[in-house]
Amino acid sequence: MSNSDSFIGEVSEEVRRDRLFHLLRRYGWIGLAIVVLIVGGAAVYEWRQSQIAAEAQARGDALLAALAEPEAAARAEALAPIAAQSEDAVVLQLALAAEQQAAGDAEAAVATLDALAGNGEVAEIYRDLAALKSVLIDAGRSPEDKLLALEALSAPGAPFRMLALEQIALIRLAQGEQDAAVDQLRAIMEDAETTPDLRDRAASLMVALGVPPEDAAAAATPTE
């Protein structure tokens, strides 16, 4: 009986082995293809990562070389192609605008900042920062245009709202609208979002405009 069982077991094992070999011959290429895809995908991923690292290093080297130029005009010229290749690189765009302004090319600086401000893929805080910097550059923009841009930046919840309100007061003053400027400064000083430094600047300007110091000091005291 034991010999019979052993024989049956050997036959069964042989049958299973034949079936396994048959399955391997029939479907083994699928497993091989999966292995090839995994290995190939990993190789492509590593190659891509190395390419990204190399590009970043090259861009960093070019940026350092550009900033090392002794003249602002040369720095702006060297930064322009780097920034053009990285339209979403906020720091590069802001650096380019700063160098363009330092080189005396106000129109180019405004164009760079306006392009950044209009880029919907950039975070709002950077768009508003670019828009505010653009308004502050003297590039022949009319006071009315500046006020229009600043009104948008001074909307409730805007990240640079208080600074925009301060600039509005200064433009009103430059236009000879002293009463409107004082009212704007008083509103700034009474606003809960106003920082101590901004409140002090507003109070000093109010005093310079003839507002009694005690009135300016009272306005500078934040309400509870």
C-alpha atoms as a PDB file:
ATOM      1  CA  MET A   1       0.000   0.000   0.000  1.00  0.00           C
ATOM      2  CA  SER A   2       2.827   2.402   0.809  1.00  0.00           C
ATOM      3  CA  ASN A   3       4.494   1.757  -2.562  1.00  0.00           C
ATOM      4  CA  SER A   4       1.218   2.528  -4.328  1.00  0.00           C
ATOM      5  CA  ASP A   5       0.821   5.774  -2.397  1.00  0.00           C
ATOM      6  CA  SER A   6       4.388   6.744  -3.205  1.00  0.00           C
ATOM      7  CA  PHE A   7       3.846   6.050  -6.886  1.00  0.00           C
ATOM      8  CA  ILE A   8       0.642   8.076  -6.962  1.00  0.00           C
ATOM      9  CA  GLY A   9       2.418  10.944  -5.173  1.00  0.00           C
ATOM     10  CA  GLU A  10       5.263  10.928  -7.679  1.00  0.00           C
ATOM     11  CA  VAL A  11       2.821  10.950 -10.581  1.00  0.00           C
ATOM     12  CA  SER A  12       0.870  13.828  -9.036  1.00  0.00           C
ATOM     13  CA  GLU A  13       4.070  15.805  -8.471  1.00  0.00           C
ATOM     14  CA  GLU A  14       5.120  15.228 -12.056  1.00  0.00           C
ATOM     15  CA  VAL A  15       1.731  16.360 -13.317  1.00  0.00           C
ATOM     16  CA  ARG A  16       1.927  19.542 -11.229  1.00  0.00           C
ATOM     17  CA  ARG A  17       5.449  20.185 -12.513  1.00  0.00           C
ATOM     18  CA  ASP A  18       4.304  19.747 -16.107  1.00  0.00           C
ATOM     19  CA  ARG A  19       1.406  22.126 -15.538  1.00  0.00           C
ATOM     20  CA  LEU A  20       3.727  24.688 -13.955  1.00  0.00           C
ATOM     21  CA  PHE A  21       6.171  24.516 -16.864  1.00  0.00           C
ATOM     22  CA  HIS A  22       3.264  24.801 -19.277  1.00  0.00           C
ATOM     23  CA  LEU A  23       1.987  27.918 -17.482  1.00  0.00           C
ATOM     24  CA  LEU A  24       5.462  29.414 -17.430  1.00  0.00           C
ATOM     25  CA  ARG A  25       5.904  28.821 -21.131  1.00  0.00           C
ATOM     26  CA  ARG A  26       2.503  30.310 -21.834  1.00  0.00           C
ATOM     27  CA  TYR A  27       2.403  33.262 -19.425  1.00  0.00           C
ATOM     28  CA  GLY A  28       5.978  33.693 -18.288  1.00  0.00           C
ATOM     29  CA  TRP A  29       6.547  36.574 -20.679  1.00  0.00           C
ATOM     30  CA  ILE A  30       4.002  38.634 -18.693  1.00  0.00           C
ATOM     31  CA  GLY A  31       6.076  38.414 -15.537  1.00  0.00           C
ATOM     32  CA  LEU A  32       9.214  39.172 -17.520  1.00  0.00           C
ATOM     33  CA  ALA A  33       7.542  42.230 -19.063  1.00  0.00           C
ATOM     34  CA  ILE A  34       6.493  43.461 -15.631  1.00  0.00           C
ATOM     35  CA  VAL A  35      10.058  43.118 -14.346  1.00  0.00           C
ATOM     36  CA  VAL A  36      11.392  44.951 -17.395  1.00  0.00           C
ATOM     37  CA  LEU A  37       8.848  47.746 -16.916  1.00  0.00           C
ATOM     38  CA  ILE A  38       9.696  48.134 -13.237  1.00  0.00           C
ATOM     39  CA  VAL A  39      13.431  48.188 -13.840  1.00  0.00           C
ATOM     40  CA  GLY A  40      13.069  50.454 -16.865  1.00  0.00           C
ATOM     41  CA  GLY A  41      10.757  52.824 -15.007  1.00  0.00           C
ATOM     42  CA  ALA A  42      13.168  53.059 -12.104  1.00  0.00           C
ATOM     43  CA  ALA A  43      16.033  53.780 -14.500  1.00  0.00           C
ATOM     44  CA  VAL A  44      14.038  56.508 -16.279  1.00  0.00           C
ATOM     45  CA  TYR A  45      13.036  58.052 -12.948  1.00  0.00           C
ATOM     46  CA  GLU A  46      16.644  58.135 -11.740  1.00  0.00           C
ATOM     47  CA  TRP A  47      17.772  59.637 -15.040  1.00  0.00           C
ATOM     48  CA  ARG A  48      15.087  62.315 -14.865  1.00  0.00           C
ATOM     49  CA  GLN A  49      15.986  63.162 -11.273  1.00  0.00           C
ATOM     50  CA  SER A  50      19.633  63.515 -12.245  1.00  0.00           C
ATOM     51  CA  GLN A  51      18.605  65.781 -15.142  1.00  0.00           C
ATOM     52  CA  ILE A  52      16.525  67.972 -12.823  1.00  0.00           C
ATOM     53  CA  ALA A  53      19.406  68.195 -10.356  1.00  0.00           C
ATOM     54  CA  ALA A  54      21.837  69.101 -13.132  1.00  0.00           C
ATOM     55  CA  GLU A  55      19.490  71.763 -14.501  1.00  0.00           C
ATOM     56  CA  ALA A  56      18.986  73.228 -11.032  1.00  0.00           C
ATOM     57  CA  GLN A  57      22.720  73.316 -10.429  1.00  0.00           C
ATOM     58  CA  ALA A  58      23.358  74.970 -13.790  1.00  0.00           C
ATOM     59  CA  ARG A  59      20.638  77.531 -13.091  1.00  0.00           C
ATOM     60  CA  GLY A  60      22.088  78.218  -9.654  1.00  0.00           C
ATOM     61  CA  ASP A  61      25.582  78.670 -11.073  1.00  0.00           C
ATOM     62  CA  ALA A  62      24.245  81.046 -13.721  1.00  0.00           C
ATOM     63  CA  LEU A  63      22.337  83.006 -11.062  1.00  0.00           C
ATOM     64  CA  LEU A  64      25.427  83.385  -8.881  1.00  0.00           C
ATOM     65  CA  ALA A  65      27.468  84.466 -11.874  1.00  0.00           C
ATOM     66  CA  ALA A  66      24.824  87.019 -12.833  1.00  0.00           C
ATOM     67  CA  LEU A  67      24.651  88.496  -9.344  1.00  0.00           C
ATOM     68  CA  ALA A  68      28.436  88.718  -9.243  1.00  0.00           C
ATOM     69  CA  GLU A  69      28.472  91.232 -12.125  1.00  0.00           C
ATOM     70  CA  PRO A  70      29.743  94.618 -10.882  1.00  0.00           C
ATOM     71  CA  GLU A  71      27.158  96.771 -12.698  1.00  0.00           C
ATOM     72  CA  ALA A  72      23.385  96.690 -12.245  1.00  0.00           C
ATOM     73  CA  ALA A  73      22.821  96.797 -16.006  1.00  0.00           C
ATOM     74  CA  ALA A  74      25.080  93.787 -16.497  1.00  0.00           C
ATOM     75  CA  ARG A  75      23.318  91.912 -13.697  1.00  0.00           C
ATOM     76  CA  ALA A  76      19.928  92.656 -15.236  1.00  0.00           C
ATOM     77  CA  GLU A  77      21.123  91.518 -18.666  1.00  0.00           C
ATOM     78  CA  ALA A  78      22.498  88.281 -17.225  1.00  0.00           C
ATOM     79  CA  LEU A  79      19.388  87.608 -15.128  1.00  0.00           C
ATOM     80  CA  ALA A  80      16.891  88.167 -17.956  1.00  0.00           C
ATOM     81  CA  PRO A  81      17.427  84.834 -19.790  1.00  0.00           C
ATOM     82  CA  ILE A  82      17.522  82.917 -16.502  1.00  0.00           C
ATOM     83  CA  ALA A  83      14.227  84.423 -15.375  1.00  0.00           C
ATOM     84  CA  ALA A  84      12.692  83.801 -18.812  1.00  0.00           C
ATOM     85  CA  GLN A  85      13.407  80.081 -18.437  1.00  0.00           C
ATOM     86  CA  SER A  86      11.791  80.011 -14.975  1.00  0.00           C
ATOM     87  CA  GLU A  87       8.624  82.068 -15.278  1.00  0.00           C
ATOM     88  CA  ASP A  88       7.273  80.634 -12.026  1.00  0.00           C
ATOM     89  CA  ALA A  89      10.462  81.444 -10.070  1.00  0.00           C
ATOM     90  CA  VAL A  90       9.248  84.404  -8.025  1.00  0.00           C
ATOM     91  CA  VAL A  91      12.631  85.226  -6.510  1.00  0.00           C
ATOM     92  CA  LEU A  92      14.265  85.405  -9.935  1.00  0.00           C
ATOM     93  CA  GLN A  93      11.559  87.707 -11.284  1.00  0.00           C
ATOM     94  CA  LEU A  94      11.780  90.027  -8.283  1.00  0.00           C
ATOM     95  CA  ALA A  95      15.583  90.050  -8.460  1.00  0.00           C
ATOM     96  CA  LEU A  96      15.458  90.881 -12.156  1.00  0.00           C
ATOM     97  CA  ALA A  97      13.044  93.759 -11.559  1.00  0.00           C
ATOM     98  CA  ALA A  98      15.259  95.107  -8.762  1.00  0.00           C
ATOM     99  CA  GLU A  99      18.343  95.060 -10.988  1.00  0.00           C
ATOM    100  CA  GLN A 100      16.442  96.652 -13.878  1.00  0.00           C
ATOM    101  CA  GLN A 101      15.317  99.433 -11.567  1.00  0.00           C
ATOM    102  CA  ALA A 102      18.852  99.872 -10.179  1.00  0.00           C
ATOM    103  CA  ALA A 103      20.131 100.131 -13.751  1.00  0.00           C
ATOM    104  CA  GLY A 104      17.672 102.972 -14.413  1.00  0.00           C
ATOM    105  CA  ASP A 105      15.387 100.962 -16.689  1.00  0.00           C
ATOM    106  CA  ALA A 106      12.140 101.671 -14.849  1.00  0.00           C
ATOM    107  CA  GLU A 107       9.917 100.605 -17.727  1.00  0.00           C
ATOM    108  CA  ALA A 108      11.566  97.178 -17.928  1.00  0.00           C
ATOM    109  CA  ALA A 109      11.252  96.758 -14.156  1.00  0.00           C
ATOM    110  CA  VAL A 110       7.545  97.627 -14.287  1.00  0.00           C
ATOM    111  CA  ALA A 111       7.017  95.213 -17.181  1.00  0.00           C
ATOM    112  CA  THR A 112       8.711  92.404 -15.239  1.00  0.00           C
ATOM    113  CA  LEU A 113       6.683  93.094 -12.105  1.00  0.00           C
ATOM    114  CA  ASP A 114       3.397  93.459 -13.989  1.00  0.00           C
ATOM    115  CA  ALA A 115       4.003  90.125 -15.725  1.00  0.00           C
ATOM    116  CA  LEU A 116       4.586  88.502 -12.341  1.00  0.00           C
ATOM    117  CA  ALA A 117       1.518  90.196 -10.860  1.00  0.00           C
ATOM    118  CA  GLY A 118      -0.603  88.855 -13.715  1.00  0.00           C
ATOM    119  CA  ASN A 119       0.654  85.275 -13.461  1.00  0.00           C
ATOM    120  CA  GLY A 120      -2.257  83.265 -12.081  1.00  0.00           C
ATOM    121  CA  GLU A 121       0.016  80.339 -11.225  1.00  0.00           C
ATOM    122  CA  VAL A 122       1.870  82.430  -8.631  1.00  0.00           C
ATOM    123  CA  ALA A 123       0.588  82.680  -5.056  1.00  0.00           C
ATOM    124  CA  GLU A 124      -1.554  85.756  -4.362  1.00  0.00           C
ATOM    125  CA  ILE A 125       0.848  87.232  -1.839  1.00  0.00           C
ATOM    126  CA  TYR A 126       3.641  87.356  -4.438  1.00  0.00           C
ATOM    127  CA  ARG A 127       1.335  88.738  -7.115  1.00  0.00           C
ATOM    128  CA  ASP A 128       0.269  91.525  -4.773  1.00  0.00           C
ATOM    129  CA  LEU A 129       3.880  92.179  -3.769  1.00  0.00           C
ATOM    130  CA  ALA A 130       4.868  92.531  -7.426  1.00  0.00           C
ATOM    131  CA  ALA A 131       1.902  94.831  -8.090  1.00  0.00           C
ATOM    132  CA  LEU A 132       2.787  97.027  -5.102  1.00  0.00           C
ATOM    133  CA  LYS A 133       6.441  97.252  -6.141  1.00  0.00           C
ATOM    134  CA  SER A 134       5.350  98.149  -9.657  1.00  0.00           C
ATOM    135  CA  VAL A 135       3.236 101.046  -8.371  1.00  0.00           C
ATOM    136  CA  LEU A 136       6.141 102.353  -6.283  1.00  0.00           C
ATOM    137  CA  ILE A 137       8.427 102.640  -9.322  1.00  0.00           C
ATOM    138  CA  ASP A 138       8.392 106.036 -10.980  1.00  0.00           C
ATOM    139  CA  ALA A 139       7.876 104.984 -14.583  1.00  0.00           C
ATOM    140  CA  GLY A 140       5.602 107.731 -15.830  1.00  0.00           C
ATOM    141  CA  ARG A 141       2.422 106.135 -14.516  1.00  0.00           C
ATOM    142  CA  SER A 142      -0.266 108.703 -13.779  1.00  0.00           C
ATOM    143  CA  PRO A 143      -1.515 109.234 -10.197  1.00  0.00           C
ATOM    144  CA  GLU A 144      -4.942 108.040 -11.289  1.00  0.00           C
ATOM    145  CA  ASP A 145      -3.506 104.767 -12.579  1.00  0.00           C
ATOM    146  CA  LYS A 146      -1.551 104.318  -9.367  1.00  0.00           C
ATOM    147  CA  LEU A 147      -4.637 104.951  -7.256  1.00  0.00           C
ATOM    148  CA  LEU A 148      -6.617 102.439  -9.303  1.00  0.00           C
ATOM    149  CA  ALA A 149      -3.967  99.772  -8.730  1.00  0.00           C
ATOM    150  CA  LEU A 150      -3.661 100.629  -5.044  1.00  0.00           C
ATOM    151  CA  GLU A 151      -7.419 100.471  -4.490  1.00  0.00           C
ATOM    152  CA  ALA A 152      -7.342  96.845  -5.623  1.00  0.00           C
ATOM    153  CA  LEU A 153      -4.400  96.124  -3.304  1.00  0.00           C
ATOM    154  CA  SER A 154      -6.159  97.765  -0.340  1.00  0.00           C
ATOM    155  CA  ALA A 155      -9.226  95.520  -0.472  1.00  0.00           C
ATOM    156  CA  PRO A 156     -10.120  93.825   2.841  1.00  0.00           C
ATOM    157  CA  GLY A 157      -8.022  90.714   3.355  1.00  0.00           C
ATOM    158  CA  ALA A 158      -5.329  91.732   0.860  1.00  0.00           C
ATOM    159  CA  PRO A 159      -1.857  90.857   2.218  1.00  0.00           C
ATOM    160  CA  PHE A 160      -0.401  94.362   1.714  1.00  0.00           C
ATOM    161  CA  ARG A 161      -3.567  96.295   2.419  1.00  0.00           C
ATOM    162  CA  MET A 162      -2.128  98.715   4.985  1.00  0.00           C
ATOM    163  CA  LEU A 163       0.915  99.581   2.889  1.00  0.00           C
ATOM    164  CA  ALA A 164      -1.375 100.233  -0.072  1.00  0.00           C
ATOM    165  CA  LEU A 165      -3.509 102.555   2.076  1.00  0.00           C
ATOM    166  CA  GLU A 166      -0.368 104.442   3.113  1.00  0.00           C
ATOM    167  CA  GLN A 167       0.618 104.913  -0.517  1.00  0.00           C
ATOM    168  CA  ILE A 168      -2.879 106.168  -1.311  1.00  0.00           C
ATOM    169  CA  ALA A 169      -2.490 108.829   1.395  1.00  0.00           C
ATOM    170  CA  LEU A 170       0.881 109.890  -0.023  1.00  0.00           C
ATOM    171  CA  ILE A 171      -0.517 110.179  -3.552  1.00  0.00           C
ATOM    172  CA  ARG A 172      -3.459 112.231  -2.272  1.00  0.00           C
ATOM    173  CA  LEU A 173      -0.976 114.508  -0.558  1.00  0.00           C
ATOM    174  CA  ALA A 174       1.153 114.814  -3.714  1.00  0.00           C
ATOM    175  CA  GLN A 175      -2.006 115.838  -5.610  1.00  0.00           C
ATOM    176  CA  GLY A 176      -2.642 118.637  -3.107  1.00  0.00           C
ATOM    177  CA  GLU A 177      -5.597 116.875  -1.462  1.00  0.00           C
ATOM    178  CA  GLN A 178      -4.380 117.435   2.081  1.00  0.00           C
ATOM    179  CA  ASP A 179      -7.720 116.862   3.797  1.00  0.00           C
ATOM    180  CA  ALA A 180      -8.222 113.570   1.968  1.00  0.00           C
ATOM    181  CA  ALA A 181      -4.673 112.551   2.863  1.00  0.00           C
ATOM    182  CA  VAL A 182      -5.222 113.349   6.550  1.00  0.00           C
ATOM    183  CA  ASP A 183      -8.504 111.408   6.569  1.00  0.00           C
ATOM    184  CA  GLN A 184      -6.699 108.453   4.996  1.00  0.00           C
ATOM    185  CA  LEU A 185      -3.907 108.646   7.577  1.00  0.00           C
ATOM    186  CA  ARG A 186      -6.406 108.830  10.422  1.00  0.00           C
ATOM    187  CA  ALA A 187      -8.204 105.758   9.059  1.00  0.00           C
ATOM    188  CA  ILE A 188      -4.875 103.915   8.908  1.00  0.00           C
ATOM    189  CA  MET A 189      -4.074 104.783  12.514  1.00  0.00           C
ATOM    190  CA  GLU A 190      -7.469 103.625  13.706  1.00  0.00           C
ATOM    191  CA  ASP A 191      -7.309 100.335  11.829  1.00  0.00           C
ATOM    192  CA  ALA A 192      -6.664  97.280  13.992  1.00  0.00           C
ATOM    193  CA  GLU A 193      -4.358  95.778  11.341  1.00  0.00           C
ATOM    194  CA  THR A 194      -1.944  98.720  11.434  1.00  0.00           C
ATOM    195  CA  THR A 195       1.515  97.873  12.724  1.00  0.00           C
ATOM    196  CA  PRO A 196       3.173 100.119  15.360  1.00  0.00           C
ATOM    197  CA  ASP A 197       5.744 101.365  12.831  1.00  0.00           C
ATOM    198  CA  LEU A 198       3.085 102.289  10.293  1.00  0.00           C
ATOM    199  CA  ARG A 199       0.991 103.976  12.991  1.00  0.00           C
ATOM    200  CA  ASP A 200       4.023 106.048  14.062  1.00  0.00           C
ATOM    201  CA  ARG A 201       4.731 107.072  10.457  1.00  0.00           C
ATOM    202  CA  ALA A 202       1.129 108.103   9.946  1.00  0.00           C
ATOM    203  CA  ALA A 203       1.098 110.112  13.204  1.00  0.00           C
ATOM    204  CA  SER A 204       4.343 111.907  12.298  1.00  0.00           C
ATOM    205  CA  LEU A 205       3.014 112.803   8.862  1.00  0.00           C
ATOM    206  CA  MET A 206      -0.238 114.089  10.352  1.00  0.00           C
ATOM    207  CA  VAL A 207       1.694 116.356  12.683  1.00  0.00           C
ATOM    208  CA  ALA A 208       3.798 117.581   9.743  1.00  0.00           C
ATOM    209  CA  LEU A 209       0.551 118.406   7.932  1.00  0.00           C
ATOM    210  CA  GLY A 210      -0.623 120.585  10.791  1.00  0.00           C
ATOM    211  CA  VAL A 211      -2.728 118.188  12.805  1.00  0.00           C
ATOM    212  CA  PRO A 212      -2.345 118.987  16.523  1.00  0.00           C
ATOM    213  CA  PRO A 213       0.008 116.464  18.169  1.00  0.00           C
ATOM    214  CA  GLU A 214      -2.605 115.535  20.758  1.00  0.00           C
ATOM    215  CA  ASP A 215      -5.118 114.688  18.023  1.00  0.00           C
ATOM    216  CA  ALA A 216      -2.537 112.636  16.170  1.00  0.00           C
ATOM    217  CA  ALA A 217      -1.602 110.863  19.400  1.00  0.00           C
ATOM    218  CA  ALA A 218      -5.251 110.110  20.144  1.00  0.00           C
ATOM    219  CA  ALA A 219      -5.702 108.640  16.692  1.00  0.00           C
ATOM    220  CA  ALA A 220      -2.528 106.620  17.132  1.00  0.00           C
ATOM    221  CA  THR A 221      -3.945 104.884  20.202  1.00  0.00           C
ATOM    222  CA  PRO A 222      -5.616 101.682  18.969  1.00  0.00           C
ATOM    223  CA  THR A 223      -9.186 101.219  20.137  1.00  0.00           C
ATOM    224  CA  GLU A 224     -10.104  98.102  22.126  1.00  0.00           C
END
